[in-house]
C-alpha atoms as a PDB file:
ATOM      1  CA  MET A   1    -116.399 -16.929 -10.270  1.00  0.00           C
ATOM      2  CA  ALA A   2    -115.815 -20.008  -8.188  1.00  0.00           C
ATOM      3  CA  LEU A   3    -113.604 -19.964  -5.122  1.00  0.00           C
ATOM      4  CA  ARG A   4    -111.393 -22.590  -6.767  1.00  0.00           C
ATOM      5  CA  ASP A   5    -110.840 -20.286  -9.768  1.00  0.00           C
ATOM      6  CA  ILE A   6    -109.816 -17.395  -7.519  1.00  0.00           C
ATOM      7  CA  ARG A   7    -107.391 -19.636  -5.618  1.00  0.00           C
ATOM      8  CA  ASN A   8    -105.908 -20.875  -8.889  1.00  0.00           C
ATOM      9  CA  ALA A   9    -105.532 -17.330 -10.225  1.00  0.00           C
ATOM     10  CA  LEU A  10    -103.842 -16.152  -7.015  1.00  0.00           C
ATOM     11  CA  GLY A  11    -101.519 -19.157  -7.079  1.00  0.00           C
ATOM     12  CA  TRP A  12    -100.490 -18.476 -10.664  1.00  0.00           C
ATOM     13  CA  CYS A  13    -100.072 -14.755  -9.946  1.00  0.00           C
ATOM     14  CA  THR A  14     -97.808 -15.614  -7.017  1.00  0.00           C
ATOM     15  CA  LEU A  15     -95.709 -17.957  -9.129  1.00  0.00           C
ATOM     16  CA  ILE A  16     -95.401 -15.485 -12.007  1.00  0.00           C
ATOM     17  CA  ASN A  17     -94.497 -12.605  -9.684  1.00  0.00           C
ATOM     18  CA  LEU A  18     -91.846 -14.660  -7.880  1.00  0.00           C
ATOM     19  CA  CYS A  19     -90.374 -15.691 -11.251  1.00  0.00           C
ATOM     20  CA  LEU A  20     -90.243 -12.037 -12.303  1.00  0.00           C
ATOM     21  CA  LEU A  21     -88.544 -11.183  -9.022  1.00  0.00           C
ATOM     22  CA  LEU A  22     -86.005 -13.948  -9.606  1.00  0.00           C
ATOM     23  CA  VAL A  23     -85.264 -12.661 -13.126  1.00  0.00           C
ATOM     24  CA  TRP A  24     -84.882  -9.130 -11.755  1.00  0.00           C
ATOM     25  CA  PHE A  25     -82.486 -10.378  -9.074  1.00  0.00           C
ATOM     26  CA  LEU A  26     -80.465 -12.429 -11.574  1.00  0.00           C
ATOM     27  CA  PHE A  27     -80.131  -9.451 -13.927  1.00  0.00           C
ATOM     28  CA  PHE A  28     -79.134  -7.260 -11.002  1.00  0.00           C
ATOM     29  CA  ALA A  29     -76.594  -9.763  -9.687  1.00  0.00           C
ATOM     30  CA  LEU A  30     -75.135 -10.993 -12.973  1.00  0.00           C
ATOM     31  CA  ALA A  31     -75.482  -7.938 -15.233  1.00  0.00           C
ATOM     32  CA  HIS A  32     -75.114  -5.160 -12.674  1.00  0.00           C
ATOM     33  CA  ASP A  33     -72.602  -3.072 -14.638  1.00  0.00           C
ATOM     34  CA  TRP A  34     -74.599  -3.331 -17.869  1.00  0.00           C
ATOM     35  CA  MET A  35     -77.796  -2.288 -16.069  1.00  0.00           C
ATOM     36  CA  TYR A  36     -76.014   0.616 -14.394  1.00  0.00           C
ATOM     37  CA  ARG A  37     -74.604   1.847 -17.703  1.00  0.00           C
ATOM     38  CA  LEU A  38     -78.014   1.535 -19.351  1.00  0.00           C
ATOM     39  CA  HIS A  39     -79.781   3.490 -16.624  1.00  0.00           C
ATOM     40  CA  GLY A  40     -76.854   5.896 -16.345  1.00  0.00           C
ATOM     41  CA  ARG A  41     -77.711   7.173 -19.809  1.00  0.00           C
ATOM     42  CA  TRP A  42     -81.049   8.458 -18.527  1.00  0.00           C
ATOM     43  CA  PHE A  43     -80.326   9.316 -14.889  1.00  0.00           C
ATOM     44  CA  GLN A  44     -77.286  10.776 -13.152  1.00  0.00           C
ATOM     45  CA  ILE A  45     -77.088   8.564 -10.061  1.00  0.00           C
ATOM     46  CA  SER A  46     -74.268   6.955  -8.158  1.00  0.00           C
ATOM     47  CA  VAL A  47     -73.750   3.195  -7.998  1.00  0.00           C
ATOM     48  CA  GLU A  48     -74.783   3.234  -4.332  1.00  0.00           C
ATOM     49  CA  THR A  49     -78.052   5.007  -5.161  1.00  0.00           C
ATOM     50  CA  PHE A  50     -78.669   2.642  -8.075  1.00  0.00           C
ATOM     51  CA  ASP A  51     -78.157  -0.360  -5.784  1.00  0.00           C
ATOM     52  CA  ALA A  52     -80.415   1.123  -3.091  1.00  0.00           C
ATOM     53  CA  ILE A  53     -83.193   1.815  -5.599  1.00  0.00           C
ATOM     54  CA  HIS A  54     -83.113  -1.725  -6.959  1.00  0.00           C
ATOM     55  CA  TYR A  55     -82.828  -3.346  -3.534  1.00  0.00           C
ATOM     56  CA  THR A  56     -85.783  -1.295  -2.273  1.00  0.00           C
ATOM     57  CA  GLY A  57     -87.764  -2.040  -5.424  1.00  0.00           C
ATOM     58  CA  MET A  58     -87.194  -5.763  -5.059  1.00  0.00           C
ATOM     59  CA  ALA A  59     -88.179  -5.633  -1.386  1.00  0.00           C
ATOM     60  CA  LEU A  60     -91.407  -3.741  -2.158  1.00  0.00           C
ATOM     61  CA  PHE A  61     -92.220  -6.061  -5.066  1.00  0.00           C
ATOM     62  CA  LYS A  62     -91.708  -9.111  -2.838  1.00  0.00           C
ATOM     63  CA  ALA A  63     -93.774  -7.614  -0.025  1.00  0.00           C
ATOM     64  CA  GLY A  64     -96.553  -6.755  -2.476  1.00  0.00           C
ATOM     65  CA  THR A  65     -96.512 -10.274  -3.886  1.00  0.00           C
ATOM     66  CA  TRP A  66     -96.775 -11.775  -0.424  1.00  0.00           C
ATOM     67  CA  LEU A  67     -99.462  -9.313   0.685  1.00  0.00           C
ATOM     68  CA  PHE A  68    -101.672  -9.302  -2.414  1.00  0.00           C
ATOM     69  CA  ASN A  69    -101.125 -12.799  -3.858  1.00  0.00           C
ATOM     70  CA  LEU A  70     -99.645 -15.281  -1.411  1.00  0.00           C
ATOM     71  CA  ALA A  71    -101.529 -14.277   1.766  1.00  0.00           C
ATOM     72  CA  PRO A  72    -104.979 -14.326   0.096  1.00  0.00           C
ATOM     73  CA  TRP A  73    -104.115 -17.632  -1.606  1.00  0.00           C
ATOM     74  CA  LEU A  74    -103.180 -19.166   1.749  1.00  0.00           C
ATOM     75  CA  ALA A  75    -106.244 -17.680   3.457  1.00  0.00           C
ATOM     76  CA  LEU A  76    -108.547 -19.123   0.794  1.00  0.00           C
ATOM     77  CA  HIS A  77    -106.894 -22.507   1.105  1.00  0.00           C
ATOM     78  CA  ILE A  78    -107.279 -22.484   4.877  1.00  0.00           C
ATOM     79  CA  ALA A  79    -110.827 -21.106   4.933  1.00  0.00           C
ATOM     80  CA  GLY A  80    -112.136 -22.780   1.802  1.00  0.00           C
ATOM     81  CA  GLY A  81    -111.021 -26.312   2.348  1.00  0.00           C
ATOM     82  CA  LYS A  82    -111.034 -28.457  -0.796  1.00  0.00           C
ATOM     83  CA  LYS A  83    -114.199 -27.039  -2.354  1.00  0.00           C
END
């Protein structure tokens, strides 16, 4: 696989993951009560715990995206030049 193909794949993965994170955030911000009721059917948790779980999940998802997609993409762009 060519270096260019790996860079392209990492770039698309970064974009897709950030779009998923944005959708997650929008659902959480705009449909919070609906999401809480939906999850409340399966788990007995408080609103504060629900918020903490989602906030932590979004933070870990973002950190993972940066660590496993964005950082390698940038490193390949810096090290690989325009090849």
